[in-house]
N, C-alpha and C. Protein backbone atom coordinates (compact mmCIF):
# COMPACT_ATOMS: atom_id res chain seq x y z
N MET A 1 73.09 83.53 96.65
CA MET A 1 73.74 84.93 96.54
C MET A 1 72.47 85.74 96.21
N PRO A 2 72.18 86.85 96.74
CA PRO A 2 71.23 87.52 96.54
C PRO A 2 71.61 88.61 95.24
N LEU A 3 70.76 88.66 94.48
CA LEU A 3 71.03 89.47 93.37
C LEU A 3 71.33 90.96 93.74
N TYR A 4 70.79 91.45 94.63
CA TYR A 4 71.02 93.00 94.86
C TYR A 4 72.14 93.25 95.88
N ARG A 5 72.96 92.26 96.28
CA ARG A 5 73.96 92.47 97.25
C ARG A 5 74.98 93.26 96.35
N GLY A 6 75.46 94.37 96.71
CA GLY A 6 76.55 95.07 96.13
C GLY A 6 76.11 95.74 95.01
N VAL A 7 74.64 95.74 94.43
CA VAL A 7 74.43 96.49 93.28
C VAL A 7 74.32 97.99 93.58
N VAL A 8 74.52 98.62 92.99
CA VAL A 8 74.29 100.12 93.11
C VAL A 8 73.11 100.55 92.36
N SER A 9 72.92 100.29 91.08
CA SER A 9 71.58 100.66 90.59
C SER A 9 71.22 99.74 89.70
N ILE A 10 69.73 99.44 89.23
CA ILE A 10 69.13 98.67 88.33
C ILE A 10 68.23 99.70 87.72
N ASP A 11 68.24 99.68 86.32
CA ASP A 11 67.63 100.54 85.49
C ASP A 11 66.92 99.98 84.42
N VAL A 12 66.12 100.45 83.63
CA VAL A 12 65.57 100.15 82.35
C VAL A 12 65.36 101.20 81.57
N ARG A 13 66.00 101.22 80.34
CA ARG A 13 65.85 102.58 79.44
C ARG A 13 65.75 101.98 78.09
N PRO A 14 65.67 102.93 76.94
CA PRO A 14 65.53 102.40 75.63
C PRO A 14 66.97 102.10 75.20
N ALA A 15 67.00 101.26 74.44
CA ALA A 15 68.41 100.67 73.91
C ALA A 15 68.77 101.73 72.94
N THR A 16 70.29 101.72 72.75
CA THR A 16 71.02 102.36 71.69
C THR A 16 71.67 101.49 70.86
N GLU A 17 72.18 102.11 69.72
CA GLU A 17 73.11 101.33 68.83
C GLU A 17 74.02 100.54 69.59
N ALA A 18 74.67 101.36 70.65
CA ALA A 18 75.89 100.73 71.36
C ALA A 18 75.44 99.48 72.01
N ASP A 19 74.19 99.06 72.38
CA ASP A 19 73.55 97.95 73.09
C ASP A 19 73.33 96.82 72.07
N LEU A 20 73.62 97.00 70.64
CA LEU A 20 73.10 95.95 70.00
C LEU A 20 73.95 94.71 70.02
N SER A 21 75.13 94.62 70.04
CA SER A 21 75.95 93.20 70.16
C SER A 21 75.62 92.56 71.66
N THR A 22 75.40 93.28 72.78
CA THR A 22 74.85 92.86 73.89
C THR A 22 73.40 92.25 73.94
N VAL A 23 72.58 92.80 73.23
CA VAL A 23 71.15 92.17 72.88
C VAL A 23 71.36 91.04 72.42
N ARG A 24 71.98 91.13 71.13
CA ARG A 24 72.31 89.69 70.41
C ARG A 24 72.62 88.69 71.27
N GLN A 25 73.67 89.01 71.99
CA GLN A 25 74.36 87.94 72.86
C GLN A 25 73.38 87.38 73.81
N ILE A 26 72.62 88.23 74.69
CA ILE A 26 71.58 87.84 75.52
C ILE A 26 70.71 86.83 74.87
N ALA A 27 70.07 87.47 73.80
CA ALA A 27 69.07 86.53 72.95
C ALA A 27 69.97 85.20 72.70
N GLN A 28 71.05 84.92 72.22
CA GLN A 28 71.66 83.77 72.02
C GLN A 28 71.68 82.82 73.01
N ASP A 29 72.35 83.63 74.42
CA ASP A 29 72.24 82.94 75.71
C ASP A 29 71.15 82.19 76.06
N ALA A 30 69.96 83.21 76.01
CA ALA A 30 68.77 82.99 76.53
C ALA A 30 67.89 81.82 75.82
N TYR A 31 68.11 81.96 74.51
CA TYR A 31 66.98 81.08 73.47
C TYR A 31 67.94 79.95 72.93
N GLY A 32 69.31 80.06 73.13
CA GLY A 32 70.19 79.15 72.22
C GLY A 32 69.83 77.61 72.69
N GLY A 33 69.43 77.19 73.83
CA GLY A 33 69.16 75.80 74.06
C GLY A 33 67.80 75.38 73.65
N TYR A 34 66.76 76.15 72.99
CA TYR A 34 65.60 75.80 72.79
C TYR A 34 65.58 75.09 71.24
N PRO A 35 66.21 75.25 70.34
CA PRO A 35 65.87 74.53 69.36
C PRO A 35 65.81 73.09 69.36
N ALA A 36 66.67 72.40 70.22
CA ALA A 36 66.72 70.92 70.44
C ALA A 36 65.34 70.53 71.18
N ALA A 37 65.03 71.55 72.20
CA ALA A 37 63.85 71.33 73.28
C ALA A 37 62.53 71.37 72.38
N ILE A 38 62.24 72.21 71.41
CA ILE A 38 61.12 72.62 70.76
C ILE A 38 61.15 72.32 69.16
N GLY A 39 62.12 71.80 68.80
CA GLY A 39 62.24 71.38 67.44
C GLY A 39 62.28 72.43 66.35
N VAL A 40 62.46 73.72 66.88
CA VAL A 40 62.43 74.61 65.90
C VAL A 40 63.40 75.87 66.39
N ARG A 41 63.96 76.53 65.72
CA ARG A 41 64.76 77.75 65.97
C ARG A 41 63.90 78.95 66.47
N PRO A 42 63.95 79.26 67.60
CA PRO A 42 63.18 80.32 68.19
C PRO A 42 63.34 81.89 67.50
N MET A 43 62.35 82.42 67.09
CA MET A 43 62.26 83.71 66.34
C MET A 43 63.27 84.70 67.05
N PRO A 44 63.41 84.87 68.43
CA PRO A 44 64.31 85.96 68.78
C PRO A 44 65.74 85.77 68.52
N LEU A 45 66.20 84.32 68.13
CA LEU A 45 67.44 84.19 67.55
C LEU A 45 67.78 84.90 66.24
N ASP A 46 66.75 85.10 65.50
CA ASP A 46 67.16 85.67 64.18
C ASP A 46 66.29 87.16 63.86
N ALA A 47 65.85 87.71 65.12
CA ALA A 47 65.23 88.92 64.95
C ALA A 47 66.25 90.09 64.52
N ASP A 48 65.61 91.06 63.90
CA ASP A 48 66.38 92.14 63.44
C ASP A 48 66.61 93.11 64.51
N TYR A 49 67.43 93.06 65.65
CA TYR A 49 67.71 94.01 66.73
C TYR A 49 68.09 95.34 66.34
N ALA A 50 68.88 95.53 65.13
CA ALA A 50 69.39 96.78 64.74
C ALA A 50 68.10 97.75 64.46
N ALA A 51 67.22 97.09 63.51
CA ALA A 51 66.01 97.64 63.15
C ALA A 51 65.09 98.10 64.25
N GLN A 52 65.07 96.95 65.38
CA GLN A 52 64.10 97.15 66.41
C GLN A 52 64.66 98.31 67.26
N ILE A 53 65.94 98.44 67.44
CA ILE A 53 66.66 99.50 68.22
C ILE A 53 66.45 100.86 67.72
N SER A 54 66.46 100.80 66.40
CA SER A 54 66.35 102.07 65.59
C SER A 54 64.86 102.49 65.51
N ALA A 55 64.01 101.57 65.70
CA ALA A 55 62.54 102.03 65.79
C ALA A 55 62.10 102.39 67.29
N GLY A 56 63.03 102.29 68.17
CA GLY A 56 62.68 102.50 69.69
C GLY A 56 62.05 101.41 70.28
N GLU A 57 61.92 100.19 69.77
CA GLU A 57 61.23 99.14 70.24
C GLU A 57 61.95 98.32 71.45
N VAL A 58 63.26 98.47 71.49
CA VAL A 58 63.89 97.68 72.56
C VAL A 58 64.28 98.41 73.66
N TRP A 59 64.13 97.87 74.86
CA TRP A 59 64.42 98.56 76.05
C TRP A 59 65.43 97.42 76.77
N VAL A 60 66.32 98.13 77.43
CA VAL A 60 67.33 97.37 78.00
C VAL A 60 67.33 97.40 79.78
N LEU A 61 67.49 96.40 80.46
CA LEU A 61 67.49 96.30 81.56
C LEU A 61 69.07 96.39 82.19
N THR A 62 69.51 97.23 82.83
CA THR A 62 70.91 97.12 83.19
C THR A 62 70.98 97.23 84.88
N ILE A 63 72.21 96.53 85.20
CA ILE A 63 72.72 96.34 86.71
C ILE A 63 74.06 97.11 86.71
N ASP A 64 74.03 98.35 87.43
CA ASP A 64 75.31 99.16 87.49
C ASP A 64 75.81 99.40 86.14
N GLU A 65 74.77 99.64 85.28
CA GLU A 65 75.17 100.26 83.87
C GLU A 65 75.46 98.94 82.77
N ARG A 66 75.55 97.78 83.10
CA ARG A 66 75.83 96.82 82.41
C ARG A 66 74.34 96.18 81.92
N VAL A 67 74.21 95.98 80.52
CA VAL A 67 72.91 95.30 80.13
C VAL A 67 73.00 94.08 80.46
N ARG A 68 71.70 93.45 81.12
CA ARG A 68 71.67 92.11 81.56
C ARG A 68 70.32 91.44 81.13
N GLY A 69 69.53 92.19 80.37
CA GLY A 69 68.24 91.74 79.79
C GLY A 69 67.59 92.77 79.00
N PHE A 70 66.55 92.27 78.27
CA PHE A 70 65.86 93.47 77.37
C PHE A 70 64.40 92.92 77.03
N ALA A 71 63.89 93.73 76.40
CA ALA A 71 62.48 93.78 76.00
C ALA A 71 62.14 94.32 74.73
N VAL A 72 61.54 93.67 73.76
CA VAL A 72 61.11 94.20 72.60
C VAL A 72 59.50 94.67 72.66
N LEU A 73 59.04 96.00 72.73
CA LEU A 73 57.90 96.32 73.01
C LEU A 73 57.27 96.81 71.54
N GLN A 74 56.39 96.57 71.15
CA GLN A 74 55.67 97.19 69.70
C GLN A 74 54.42 97.67 69.80
N PRO A 75 54.17 98.95 69.95
CA PRO A 75 52.92 99.44 70.10
C PRO A 75 51.79 99.07 68.91
N ARG A 76 50.74 98.83 69.07
CA ARG A 76 49.70 98.42 68.03
C ARG A 76 48.57 99.32 68.46
N THR A 77 47.55 99.34 67.64
CA THR A 77 46.28 100.25 67.89
C THR A 77 45.67 100.12 69.09
N ASP A 78 45.30 98.84 69.44
CA ASP A 78 44.53 98.67 70.89
C ASP A 78 45.57 97.90 71.84
N HIS A 79 46.69 97.92 71.63
CA HIS A 79 47.44 97.11 72.77
C HIS A 79 49.02 97.12 72.61
N LEU A 80 49.75 96.93 73.38
CA LEU A 80 51.24 96.75 73.17
C LEU A 80 51.64 95.33 73.19
N LEU A 81 52.37 95.06 72.09
CA LEU A 81 52.81 93.59 71.83
C LEU A 81 54.15 93.39 72.59
N LEU A 82 54.31 92.64 73.62
CA LEU A 82 55.69 92.15 73.98
C LEU A 82 56.16 91.05 73.17
N GLU A 83 57.01 91.54 72.21
CA GLU A 83 57.38 90.58 71.04
C GLU A 83 58.47 89.82 71.83
N ASN A 84 59.41 90.23 72.72
CA ASN A 84 60.27 89.30 73.15
C ASN A 84 60.74 89.93 74.56
N VAL A 85 61.27 88.90 75.45
CA VAL A 85 61.58 89.35 76.84
C VAL A 85 62.78 88.53 76.99
N ALA A 86 63.99 88.83 77.44
CA ALA A 86 65.02 88.02 77.68
C ALA A 86 66.08 88.51 78.82
N VAL A 87 66.55 87.46 79.57
CA VAL A 87 67.30 87.94 80.74
C VAL A 87 68.57 87.07 80.52
N THR A 88 69.68 87.53 80.88
CA THR A 88 71.09 86.76 80.62
C THR A 88 70.58 85.51 81.73
N PRO A 89 70.98 84.19 81.21
CA PRO A 89 70.64 82.83 82.02
C PRO A 89 71.17 82.95 83.48
N GLU A 90 72.19 83.61 83.71
CA GLU A 90 72.78 83.39 85.12
C GLU A 90 72.02 84.29 86.10
N LEU A 91 70.98 85.14 85.65
CA LEU A 91 70.34 86.23 86.46
C LEU A 91 68.87 85.65 86.03
N GLN A 92 68.47 84.60 85.47
CA GLN A 92 67.03 84.30 85.20
C GLN A 92 66.55 83.76 86.77
N GLY A 93 65.44 84.10 87.10
CA GLY A 93 64.64 83.75 88.46
C GLY A 93 64.90 84.66 89.53
N THR A 94 65.58 85.87 89.19
CA THR A 94 65.94 86.81 90.14
C THR A 94 65.12 87.86 90.21
N GLY A 95 63.96 88.13 89.51
CA GLY A 95 63.04 89.06 89.36
C GLY A 95 63.17 90.20 88.17
N LEU A 96 64.30 89.99 87.33
CA LEU A 96 64.46 90.84 86.38
C LEU A 96 63.28 90.58 85.19
N GLY A 97 63.11 89.57 84.98
CA GLY A 97 61.98 89.22 83.86
C GLY A 97 60.79 89.89 84.42
N SER A 98 60.51 89.87 85.57
CA SER A 98 59.08 90.68 86.27
C SER A 98 59.27 92.27 85.93
N ARG A 99 60.45 92.61 86.09
CA ARG A 99 60.94 93.94 85.87
C ARG A 99 60.60 94.47 84.65
N LEU A 100 60.93 93.65 83.87
CA LEU A 100 60.79 94.02 82.24
C LEU A 100 59.45 93.91 81.92
N LEU A 101 58.78 93.05 82.42
CA LEU A 101 57.08 93.02 82.22
C LEU A 101 56.47 94.15 82.92
N ALA A 102 56.73 94.55 83.95
CA ALA A 102 56.51 95.81 84.58
C ALA A 102 56.68 97.21 83.69
N THR A 103 57.92 97.04 83.08
CA THR A 103 58.05 98.31 82.14
C THR A 103 57.35 98.15 80.94
N ALA A 104 57.02 96.90 80.53
CA ALA A 104 55.96 96.88 79.09
C ALA A 104 54.60 97.41 79.68
N GLU A 105 54.12 96.93 80.87
CA GLU A 105 52.71 97.58 81.31
C GLU A 105 52.95 98.96 81.47
N ASN A 106 53.73 99.62 82.15
CA ASN A 106 53.84 100.98 82.10
C ASN A 106 53.98 101.68 80.93
N HIS A 107 54.64 101.16 80.15
CA HIS A 107 54.93 101.74 78.58
C HIS A 107 53.53 101.71 78.01
N ALA A 108 52.97 100.69 78.03
CA ALA A 108 51.39 100.68 77.46
C ALA A 108 50.55 101.71 78.09
N ARG A 109 50.50 101.84 79.34
CA ARG A 109 49.72 102.81 80.05
C ARG A 109 50.09 104.19 79.59
N GLU A 110 51.35 104.57 79.42
CA GLU A 110 52.01 105.75 79.00
C GLU A 110 51.34 105.98 77.65
N LEU A 111 51.25 104.92 76.70
CA LEU A 111 50.63 105.11 75.33
C LEU A 111 49.11 105.26 75.43
N GLY A 112 48.58 105.07 76.59
CA GLY A 112 47.18 105.05 76.44
C GLY A 112 46.52 103.98 76.17
N LEU A 113 47.19 102.64 76.48
CA LEU A 113 46.77 101.23 76.19
C LEU A 113 46.35 100.68 77.48
N ASP A 114 45.31 99.85 77.25
CA ASP A 114 45.09 99.02 78.41
C ASP A 114 45.34 97.50 78.53
N GLN A 115 46.10 97.09 77.56
CA GLN A 115 46.49 95.63 77.46
C GLN A 115 47.82 95.48 76.89
N VAL A 116 48.50 94.35 77.39
CA VAL A 116 49.96 94.05 76.93
C VAL A 116 49.41 92.59 76.48
N ARG A 117 50.16 92.44 74.97
CA ARG A 117 49.93 91.02 74.55
C ARG A 117 51.16 90.43 74.30
N LEU A 118 51.35 89.13 74.37
CA LEU A 118 52.33 88.47 74.08
C LEU A 118 52.05 86.96 73.39
N TYR A 119 53.02 86.31 72.96
CA TYR A 119 52.96 84.97 72.77
C TYR A 119 54.38 84.26 72.87
N THR A 120 54.33 82.81 73.11
CA THR A 120 55.25 81.96 73.54
C THR A 120 55.12 80.63 72.83
N ASN A 121 56.04 79.90 72.64
CA ASN A 121 55.98 78.51 72.03
C ASN A 121 55.18 77.86 73.04
N GLN A 122 54.42 76.70 72.75
CA GLN A 122 53.74 75.89 73.55
C GLN A 122 54.53 74.91 74.36
N ALA A 123 55.58 74.65 73.65
CA ALA A 123 56.59 73.76 74.23
C ALA A 123 57.37 74.41 75.31
N MET A 124 57.64 75.80 75.43
CA MET A 124 58.07 76.74 76.50
C MET A 124 57.12 76.64 77.66
N THR A 125 56.72 75.47 78.17
CA THR A 125 55.79 75.47 79.52
C THR A 125 56.22 76.56 80.61
N GLN A 126 57.63 76.61 80.90
CA GLN A 126 57.96 77.34 81.87
C GLN A 126 57.56 78.94 81.51
N ASN A 127 57.71 79.22 80.45
CA ASN A 127 57.21 80.61 80.03
C ASN A 127 55.72 80.97 80.31
N ILE A 128 55.05 79.91 80.21
CA ILE A 128 53.53 80.16 80.22
C ILE A 128 53.14 80.25 81.74
N VAL A 129 53.76 79.41 82.58
CA VAL A 129 53.75 79.65 83.93
C VAL A 129 54.19 80.88 84.45
N PHE A 130 55.36 81.36 83.75
CA PHE A 130 55.74 82.55 84.42
C PHE A 130 54.69 83.70 83.93
N TYR A 131 54.38 83.69 82.91
CA TYR A 131 53.39 84.73 82.75
C TYR A 131 51.90 84.85 83.17
N ALA A 132 51.36 83.55 83.28
CA ALA A 132 50.17 83.43 84.26
C ALA A 132 50.34 83.93 85.63
N ARG A 133 51.49 83.81 86.29
CA ARG A 133 51.79 84.04 87.63
C ARG A 133 51.86 85.47 87.57
N ARG A 134 52.17 86.09 86.60
CA ARG A 134 52.08 87.51 86.77
C ARG A 134 50.86 88.31 86.00
N GLY A 135 49.72 87.48 86.00
CA GLY A 135 48.55 88.09 85.69
C GLY A 135 48.15 87.95 84.22
N TYR A 136 48.98 87.22 83.39
CA TYR A 136 48.52 87.22 81.86
C TYR A 136 47.64 85.93 82.01
N ARG A 137 46.64 86.06 81.11
CA ARG A 137 45.71 84.89 80.66
C ARG A 137 45.72 84.36 79.40
N GLU A 138 45.80 83.13 79.23
CA GLU A 138 45.87 82.60 77.99
C GLU A 138 44.39 82.93 77.27
N THR A 139 44.83 83.16 75.91
CA THR A 139 43.51 83.75 75.16
C THR A 139 43.35 82.81 73.80
N SER A 140 44.44 82.21 73.46
CA SER A 140 44.44 81.32 72.42
C SER A 140 45.60 80.50 71.92
N ARG A 141 45.48 79.42 71.17
CA ARG A 141 46.74 78.74 70.77
C ARG A 141 46.35 78.45 69.23
N SER A 142 47.39 78.34 68.61
CA SER A 142 47.56 78.17 67.07
C SER A 142 48.84 77.53 66.72
N THR A 143 48.80 76.91 65.65
CA THR A 143 49.92 76.37 64.89
C THR A 143 49.82 76.76 63.43
N GLU A 144 51.04 77.46 63.28
CA GLU A 144 51.29 77.61 61.83
C GLU A 144 52.69 77.00 61.23
N GLY A 145 52.65 76.23 60.51
CA GLY A 145 54.00 75.72 60.02
C GLY A 145 54.52 74.74 61.20
N ALA A 146 55.94 75.33 61.43
CA ALA A 146 56.47 74.68 62.69
C ALA A 146 56.36 75.51 63.97
N TRP A 147 55.47 76.43 63.85
CA TRP A 147 55.10 77.41 65.09
C TRP A 147 54.06 77.04 65.85
N SER A 148 54.09 76.65 66.89
CA SER A 148 52.80 76.20 67.88
C SER A 148 53.09 77.26 68.94
N ARG A 149 51.97 78.27 69.02
CA ARG A 149 52.07 79.36 69.93
C ARG A 149 51.07 79.42 70.86
N VAL A 150 51.15 79.97 72.12
CA VAL A 150 50.37 80.29 73.04
C VAL A 150 50.30 81.81 73.29
N PHE A 151 48.95 82.21 73.05
CA PHE A 151 48.79 83.66 72.80
C PHE A 151 48.33 84.29 74.54
N MET A 152 48.74 85.21 75.00
CA MET A 152 48.47 85.61 76.20
C MET A 152 48.30 87.10 76.43
N THR A 153 47.28 87.59 77.08
CA THR A 153 47.02 89.22 77.55
C THR A 153 46.93 89.26 78.87
N LYS A 154 47.49 90.48 79.29
CA LYS A 154 47.10 91.16 80.63
C LYS A 154 46.54 92.50 80.43
N GLN A 155 45.25 92.41 80.82
CA GLN A 155 44.56 93.62 80.60
C GLN A 155 44.54 94.50 81.84
N PHE A 156 44.26 95.81 81.89
CA PHE A 156 44.35 96.59 83.24
C PHE A 156 43.86 98.11 82.91
N SER A 157 43.79 98.84 84.00
CA SER A 157 43.43 99.90 83.94
C SER A 157 44.32 100.99 83.73
N THR A 158 44.30 101.97 82.66
CA THR A 158 45.24 102.92 82.41
C THR A 158 45.29 103.89 83.47
N ASP A 159 44.20 104.06 84.33
CA ASP A 159 44.59 105.00 85.39
C ASP A 159 45.20 104.53 86.53
N THR A 160 45.07 103.30 87.12
CA THR A 160 45.68 102.82 88.23
C THR A 160 46.80 101.81 87.99
N GLY A 161 46.55 101.25 86.98
CA GLY A 161 47.54 100.26 86.51
C GLY A 161 47.26 98.86 87.07
N SER A 162 46.10 98.81 87.84
CA SER A 162 45.69 97.61 88.28
C SER A 162 44.87 96.71 87.64
N PRO A 163 45.14 95.46 87.72
CA PRO A 163 44.28 94.60 86.55
C PRO A 163 42.74 94.75 86.78
N ARG A 164 42.19 94.58 85.59
CA ARG A 164 40.94 94.56 85.55
C ARG A 164 40.24 93.17 85.87
N SER A 165 39.32 93.25 86.74
CA SER A 165 38.56 91.77 86.97
C SER A 165 37.53 91.63 85.92
N SER A 166 37.29 90.35 85.32
CA SER A 166 36.41 90.17 84.33
C SER A 166 35.03 89.64 84.92
């Protein structure tokens, strides 16, 4: 079944307080199966989404005005940190995650930043492949306590949005 059949609108907008319970539920649904697989509770399950929404860091993806995914975008001095991206499980693999990544990249450009950084758990290998296919390159790996992370970056021109060649 194509995602877009019968869909009137797909939008991405800043989250509001009214989105809080849905954002929490999407995080639970998207990350709930990982503790058994990676041996640790993923940080997005315990994030303070109320504070992040209040700070203007959460962007929601809506389909016909129903929240179906979100991204947490945290501006830093020289980059935008993509703290979290999640799509409701039944819609994963339909391009919505890519749309949220594009939102992060566009937001970075709007802020005058030329890169988006993110990290994921080393055991979440499908995430690493997903990001790499979208132009993110691995920059490092580290382990701190129970957290084994892969750090990735996508660098681009703030003028055209096209990736820079190294």
